[in-house]
C-alpha cells in the first residue's frame, strides 16, 4: 500500500484500503496559522514515517480552512508508539509553535465500514 501524499492533489490513493474492522482511526483536525515555513515538507515526512510504523494501515487527508487527517491503525499500542516516535514529537512541537492556531485529536474504534467504488472500464 502506498502512503497518501497530502502535497499531491492527484494522488490516486485518496481513500485508504483498510482491513475488516475492528481497527482504530486517529482523527487530527487543525486550523493552520499563516506560516508555511517547512510545513509541507514535514507533513510529507510524517506520512512517509507513519507508513513505516508497526500497526499503520493508511491515511486520508483534506484541507480547506480546516484540515482533517485520518490515520488508521491496527491497535491502541501502535497509536501510542507513533505519538511517542522521536521525529513525530519534533513535528508536534513545531506544530504548536508555528503551524497551528488550534488542533484536536480524536481516537476512535472503527467497528463497521462500508463503501462504494465505481468500476472504470478501459
N, C-alpha and C. Protein backbone atom coordinates (compact mmCIF):
# COMPACT_ATOMS: atom_id res chain seq x y z
N UNK A 1 0.85 -1.17 0.00
CA UNK A 1 0.00 0.00 0.00
C UNK A 1 0.89 1.24 0.00
N UNK A 2 0.69 2.14 -0.92
CA UNK A 2 1.43 3.39 -0.98
C UNK A 2 0.78 4.40 -0.02
N UNK A 3 1.60 5.15 0.73
CA UNK A 3 1.01 6.18 1.60
C UNK A 3 0.44 7.31 0.77
N UNK A 4 -0.59 7.93 1.28
CA UNK A 4 -1.19 9.09 0.64
C UNK A 4 -0.24 10.27 0.79
N UNK A 5 -0.06 11.02 -0.27
CA UNK A 5 0.79 12.20 -0.25
C UNK A 5 -0.10 13.44 -0.19
N UNK A 6 -0.18 14.11 0.97
CA UNK A 6 -1.07 15.26 1.09
C UNK A 6 -0.66 16.44 0.23
N UNK A 7 0.59 16.47 -0.22
CA UNK A 7 1.05 17.56 -1.06
C UNK A 7 0.71 17.36 -2.53
N UNK A 8 0.23 16.18 -2.88
CA UNK A 8 -0.07 15.87 -4.28
C UNK A 8 -1.58 15.69 -4.45
N UNK A 9 -2.28 16.69 -4.99
CA UNK A 9 -3.74 16.59 -5.13
C UNK A 9 -4.16 15.53 -6.14
N UNK A 10 -3.22 15.03 -6.95
CA UNK A 10 -3.55 13.99 -7.93
C UNK A 10 -3.24 12.59 -7.42
N UNK A 11 -2.91 12.47 -6.14
CA UNK A 11 -2.59 11.16 -5.57
C UNK A 11 -3.76 10.22 -5.78
N UNK A 12 -3.48 9.03 -6.29
CA UNK A 12 -4.55 8.08 -6.62
C UNK A 12 -5.01 7.27 -5.42
N UNK A 13 -4.35 7.40 -4.29
CA UNK A 13 -4.72 6.64 -3.11
C UNK A 13 -5.49 7.52 -2.13
N UNK A 14 -6.52 8.19 -2.61
CA UNK A 14 -7.26 9.14 -1.78
C UNK A 14 -8.02 8.46 -0.65
N UNK A 15 -8.55 7.27 -0.91
CA UNK A 15 -9.28 6.53 0.12
C UNK A 15 -8.44 5.32 0.50
N UNK A 16 -8.11 5.21 1.77
CA UNK A 16 -7.26 4.12 2.23
C UNK A 16 -7.97 2.78 2.12
N UNK A 17 -7.21 1.80 1.78
CA UNK A 17 -7.70 0.43 1.76
C UNK A 17 -7.41 -0.17 3.13
N UNK A 18 -8.42 -0.30 3.95
CA UNK A 18 -8.24 -0.79 5.31
C UNK A 18 -8.76 -2.22 5.43
N UNK A 19 -8.29 -2.94 6.44
CA UNK A 19 -8.78 -4.31 6.63
C UNK A 19 -10.19 -4.30 7.20
N UNK A 20 -10.74 -5.47 7.36
CA UNK A 20 -12.05 -5.58 8.01
C UNK A 20 -11.93 -5.11 9.45
N UNK A 21 -12.94 -4.40 9.96
CA UNK A 21 -12.91 -3.95 11.34
C UNK A 21 -12.89 -5.14 12.30
N UNK A 22 -12.45 -4.91 13.52
CA UNK A 22 -12.16 -3.61 14.13
C UNK A 22 -10.72 -3.16 13.87
N UNK A 23 -10.56 -1.85 13.82
CA UNK A 23 -9.27 -1.17 13.80
C UNK A 23 -9.53 0.24 14.33
N UNK A 24 -8.49 1.04 14.45
CA UNK A 24 -8.64 2.36 15.05
C UNK A 24 -8.39 3.47 14.03
N UNK A 25 -9.07 4.59 14.25
CA UNK A 25 -8.87 5.79 13.45
C UNK A 25 -8.42 6.91 14.39
N UNK A 26 -7.38 7.62 13.99
CA UNK A 26 -6.93 8.81 14.69
C UNK A 26 -7.31 9.99 13.80
N UNK A 27 -8.21 10.82 14.28
CA UNK A 27 -8.70 11.97 13.52
C UNK A 27 -8.02 13.22 14.05
N UNK A 28 -7.23 13.85 13.20
CA UNK A 28 -6.50 15.06 13.56
C UNK A 28 -7.11 16.22 12.79
N UNK A 29 -7.78 17.12 13.50
CA UNK A 29 -8.43 18.28 12.90
C UNK A 29 -7.63 19.51 13.31
N UNK A 30 -7.33 20.37 12.31
CA UNK A 30 -6.46 21.50 12.63
C UNK A 30 -6.88 22.78 11.93
N UNK A 31 -6.49 23.88 12.56
CA UNK A 31 -6.62 25.22 11.99
C UNK A 31 -5.21 25.77 11.88
N UNK A 32 -4.77 26.04 10.67
CA UNK A 32 -3.40 26.48 10.42
C UNK A 32 -3.19 27.96 10.70
N UNK A 33 -1.93 28.30 10.97
CA UNK A 33 -1.51 29.70 11.01
C UNK A 33 -1.19 30.12 9.58
N UNK A 34 -0.73 31.35 9.39
CA UNK A 34 -0.33 31.83 8.07
C UNK A 34 1.07 31.33 7.69
N UNK A 35 1.81 30.77 8.65
CA UNK A 35 3.19 30.34 8.44
C UNK A 35 3.27 28.99 7.75
N UNK A 36 3.98 28.96 6.61
CA UNK A 36 4.19 27.70 5.90
C UNK A 36 5.58 27.12 6.18
N UNK A 37 6.47 27.91 6.67
CA UNK A 37 7.87 27.59 6.93
C UNK A 37 8.15 26.11 7.21
N UNK A 38 8.29 25.31 6.15
CA UNK A 38 8.64 23.90 6.28
C UNK A 38 7.48 22.96 6.51
N UNK A 39 6.25 23.48 6.52
CA UNK A 39 5.10 22.64 6.85
C UNK A 39 4.90 21.50 5.85
N UNK A 40 4.88 21.81 4.56
CA UNK A 40 4.61 20.77 3.56
C UNK A 40 5.66 19.66 3.60
N UNK A 41 6.91 20.03 3.77
CA UNK A 41 7.98 19.04 3.85
C UNK A 41 7.80 18.14 5.07
N UNK A 42 7.47 18.76 6.21
CA UNK A 42 7.28 17.97 7.43
C UNK A 42 6.05 17.07 7.32
N UNK A 43 4.97 17.58 6.74
CA UNK A 43 3.76 16.76 6.58
C UNK A 43 4.06 15.54 5.72
N UNK A 44 4.78 15.74 4.63
CA UNK A 44 5.14 14.61 3.76
C UNK A 44 6.03 13.62 4.49
N UNK A 45 6.99 14.13 5.24
CA UNK A 45 7.89 13.26 6.02
C UNK A 45 7.10 12.44 7.04
N UNK A 46 6.11 13.07 7.70
CA UNK A 46 5.33 12.36 8.71
C UNK A 46 4.48 11.26 8.09
N UNK A 47 3.91 11.51 6.91
CA UNK A 47 3.13 10.48 6.22
C UNK A 47 4.03 9.30 5.87
N UNK A 48 5.21 9.59 5.34
CA UNK A 48 6.14 8.52 4.99
C UNK A 48 6.61 7.76 6.22
N UNK A 49 6.90 8.47 7.30
CA UNK A 49 7.37 7.84 8.53
C UNK A 49 6.26 7.01 9.18
N UNK A 50 5.05 7.54 9.20
CA UNK A 50 3.93 6.79 9.79
C UNK A 50 3.74 5.47 9.06
N UNK A 51 3.89 5.49 7.74
CA UNK A 51 3.70 4.28 6.94
C UNK A 51 4.72 3.19 7.28
N UNK A 52 5.80 3.56 7.91
CA UNK A 52 6.84 2.60 8.30
C UNK A 52 6.60 2.01 9.69
N UNK A 53 5.62 2.54 10.41
CA UNK A 53 5.38 2.11 11.79
C UNK A 53 4.56 0.83 11.84
N UNK A 54 4.90 -0.01 12.81
CA UNK A 54 4.12 -1.24 13.01
C UNK A 54 2.69 -0.87 13.38
N UNK A 55 1.74 -1.52 12.73
CA UNK A 55 0.33 -1.28 13.02
C UNK A 55 -0.33 -0.22 12.15
N UNK A 56 0.44 0.48 11.33
CA UNK A 56 -0.10 1.50 10.44
C UNK A 56 -0.92 0.84 9.33
N UNK A 57 -2.09 1.41 9.03
CA UNK A 57 -2.97 0.85 8.00
C UNK A 57 -3.23 1.80 6.83
N UNK A 58 -3.10 3.10 7.03
CA UNK A 58 -3.37 4.04 5.95
C UNK A 58 -3.67 5.43 6.47
N UNK A 59 -3.84 6.37 5.53
CA UNK A 59 -4.12 7.76 5.91
C UNK A 59 -4.95 8.42 4.80
N UNK A 60 -5.78 9.36 5.21
CA UNK A 60 -6.57 10.20 4.30
C UNK A 60 -6.49 11.62 4.84
N UNK A 61 -6.41 12.60 3.93
CA UNK A 61 -6.24 13.96 4.37
C UNK A 61 -6.93 14.94 3.43
N UNK A 62 -7.47 16.02 4.00
CA UNK A 62 -8.11 17.08 3.21
C UNK A 62 -7.91 18.39 3.95
N UNK A 63 -7.78 19.49 3.19
CA UNK A 63 -7.61 20.79 3.82
C UNK A 63 -8.31 21.86 3.02
N UNK A 64 -9.09 22.65 3.72
CA UNK A 64 -9.61 23.93 3.25
C UNK A 64 -9.28 24.90 4.37
N UNK A 65 -10.27 25.55 4.95
CA UNK A 65 -9.99 26.37 6.13
C UNK A 65 -9.61 25.48 7.31
N UNK A 66 -10.24 24.32 7.38
CA UNK A 66 -9.95 23.34 8.41
C UNK A 66 -9.29 22.14 7.75
N UNK A 67 -8.25 21.64 8.38
CA UNK A 67 -7.60 20.44 7.86
C UNK A 67 -8.04 19.23 8.66
N UNK A 68 -8.24 18.12 7.97
CA UNK A 68 -8.59 16.88 8.65
C UNK A 68 -7.71 15.77 8.07
N UNK A 69 -6.98 15.11 8.94
CA UNK A 69 -6.19 13.95 8.55
C UNK A 69 -6.65 12.79 9.42
N UNK A 70 -6.99 11.69 8.78
CA UNK A 70 -7.40 10.49 9.50
C UNK A 70 -6.37 9.41 9.19
N UNK A 71 -5.73 8.92 10.23
CA UNK A 71 -4.81 7.79 10.05
C UNK A 71 -5.45 6.57 10.70
N UNK A 72 -5.15 5.41 10.12
CA UNK A 72 -5.76 4.16 10.56
C UNK A 72 -4.69 3.25 11.14
N UNK A 73 -5.03 2.60 12.24
CA UNK A 73 -4.06 1.81 12.99
C UNK A 73 -4.68 0.49 13.46
N UNK A 74 -3.83 -0.50 13.58
CA UNK A 74 -4.26 -1.84 13.99
C UNK A 74 -4.75 -1.87 15.43
N UNK A 75 -4.06 -1.13 16.33
CA UNK A 75 -4.42 -1.19 17.75
C UNK A 75 -3.96 0.07 18.48
N UNK A 76 -4.37 0.19 19.74
CA UNK A 76 -4.03 1.37 20.53
C UNK A 76 -2.53 1.46 20.83
N UNK A 77 -1.88 0.31 20.98
CA UNK A 77 -0.44 0.31 21.24
C UNK A 77 0.32 0.94 20.07
N UNK A 78 -0.08 0.64 18.84
CA UNK A 78 0.56 1.23 17.66
C UNK A 78 0.39 2.75 17.65
N UNK A 79 -0.78 3.22 18.03
CA UNK A 79 -1.05 4.67 18.08
C UNK A 79 -0.16 5.32 19.14
N UNK A 80 -0.05 4.68 20.30
CA UNK A 80 0.77 5.22 21.38
C UNK A 80 2.23 5.32 20.95
N UNK A 81 2.74 4.28 20.30
CA UNK A 81 4.13 4.29 19.84
C UNK A 81 4.35 5.37 18.80
N UNK A 82 3.40 5.56 17.90
CA UNK A 82 3.51 6.61 16.89
C UNK A 82 3.55 7.98 17.55
N UNK A 83 2.69 8.22 18.52
CA UNK A 83 2.66 9.51 19.20
C UNK A 83 4.00 9.80 19.87
N UNK A 84 4.69 8.77 20.33
CA UNK A 84 5.95 8.94 21.06
C UNK A 84 7.19 8.81 20.16
N UNK A 85 7.01 8.58 18.86
CA UNK A 85 8.14 8.45 17.93
C UNK A 85 8.91 9.77 17.90
N UNK A 86 10.23 9.71 17.95
CA UNK A 86 11.08 10.89 18.12
C UNK A 86 10.82 11.98 17.08
N UNK A 87 10.85 11.65 15.79
CA UNK A 87 10.63 12.67 14.75
C UNK A 87 9.21 13.22 14.81
N UNK A 88 8.25 12.38 15.19
CA UNK A 88 6.87 12.83 15.32
C UNK A 88 6.74 13.81 16.49
N UNK A 89 7.48 13.57 17.57
CA UNK A 89 7.48 14.51 18.70
C UNK A 89 7.99 15.88 18.28
N UNK A 90 9.03 15.91 17.44
CA UNK A 90 9.56 17.17 16.93
C UNK A 90 8.49 17.88 16.09
N UNK A 91 7.82 17.14 15.20
CA UNK A 91 6.76 17.72 14.37
C UNK A 91 5.64 18.28 15.23
N UNK A 92 5.28 17.57 16.29
CA UNK A 92 4.23 18.05 17.20
C UNK A 92 4.64 19.38 17.84
N UNK A 93 5.90 19.47 18.25
CA UNK A 93 6.41 20.70 18.86
C UNK A 93 6.37 21.87 17.88
N UNK A 94 6.83 21.64 16.63
CA UNK A 94 6.76 22.69 15.61
C UNK A 94 5.32 23.09 15.34
N UNK A 95 4.43 22.12 15.32
CA UNK A 95 3.02 22.41 15.09
C UNK A 95 2.46 23.38 16.11
N UNK A 96 2.75 23.12 17.38
CA UNK A 96 2.26 24.01 18.44
C UNK A 96 2.94 25.38 18.38
N UNK A 97 4.22 25.41 18.00
CA UNK A 97 4.97 26.67 17.99
C UNK A 97 4.65 27.56 16.80
N UNK A 98 4.45 26.95 15.59
CA UNK A 98 4.34 27.83 14.42
C UNK A 98 3.28 27.47 13.39
N UNK A 99 2.79 26.25 13.30
CA UNK A 99 1.92 25.87 12.19
C UNK A 99 0.43 25.85 12.51
N UNK A 100 0.05 25.71 13.78
CA UNK A 100 -1.36 25.57 14.13
C UNK A 100 -1.82 26.66 15.10
N UNK A 101 -3.00 27.20 14.82
CA UNK A 101 -3.69 28.04 15.80
C UNK A 101 -4.42 27.15 16.79
N UNK A 102 -4.90 26.01 16.30
CA UNK A 102 -5.64 25.07 17.15
C UNK A 102 -5.64 23.71 16.48
N UNK A 103 -5.73 22.67 17.28
CA UNK A 103 -5.94 21.32 16.75
C UNK A 103 -6.62 20.46 17.78
N UNK A 104 -7.20 19.39 17.31
CA UNK A 104 -7.87 18.42 18.18
C UNK A 104 -7.58 17.03 17.61
N UNK A 105 -7.26 16.10 18.48
CA UNK A 105 -7.03 14.72 18.07
C UNK A 105 -8.08 13.85 18.74
N UNK A 106 -8.68 12.99 17.94
CA UNK A 106 -9.70 12.05 18.44
C UNK A 106 -9.28 10.64 18.03
N UNK A 107 -9.42 9.70 18.94
CA UNK A 107 -9.09 8.31 18.66
C UNK A 107 -10.37 7.49 18.77
N UNK A 108 -10.68 6.77 17.70
CA UNK A 108 -11.95 6.06 17.62
C UNK A 108 -11.74 4.61 17.22
N UNK A 109 -12.55 3.74 17.75
CA UNK A 109 -12.58 2.35 17.32
C UNK A 109 -13.54 2.25 16.14
N UNK A 110 -13.04 1.76 15.02
CA UNK A 110 -13.89 1.54 13.85
C UNK A 110 -14.49 0.14 14.00
N UNK A 111 -15.78 0.09 14.16
CA UNK A 111 -16.48 -1.18 14.35
C UNK A 111 -17.11 -1.69 13.06
N UNK A 112 -17.33 -0.76 12.13
CA UNK A 112 -18.01 -1.11 10.89
C UNK A 112 -17.55 -0.15 9.81
N UNK A 113 -17.33 -0.66 8.61
CA UNK A 113 -17.09 0.22 7.47
C UNK A 113 -17.73 -0.38 6.22
N UNK A 114 -18.06 0.48 5.29
CA UNK A 114 -18.62 0.03 4.02
C UNK A 114 -18.37 1.13 3.01
N UNK A 115 -18.51 0.82 1.74
CA UNK A 115 -18.21 1.83 0.74
C UNK A 115 -18.71 1.46 -0.64
N UNK A 116 -18.31 2.25 -1.58
CA UNK A 116 -18.69 2.09 -2.98
C UNK A 116 -17.51 2.54 -3.83
N UNK A 117 -17.27 1.82 -4.90
CA UNK A 117 -16.24 2.24 -5.85
C UNK A 117 -16.74 1.95 -7.24
N UNK A 118 -16.86 3.00 -8.03
CA UNK A 118 -17.32 2.85 -9.40
C UNK A 118 -16.20 2.19 -10.20
N UNK A 119 -16.54 1.16 -10.93
CA UNK A 119 -15.58 0.46 -11.77
C UNK A 119 -15.45 1.21 -13.08
N UNK A 120 -14.24 1.58 -13.41
CA UNK A 120 -13.97 2.31 -14.64
C UNK A 120 -13.57 1.31 -15.71
N UNK A 121 -14.30 1.32 -16.83
CA UNK A 121 -13.98 0.42 -17.95
C UNK A 121 -12.98 1.11 -18.85
N UNK A 122 -11.98 0.37 -19.26
CA UNK A 122 -10.93 0.95 -20.13
C UNK A 122 -11.24 0.67 -21.56
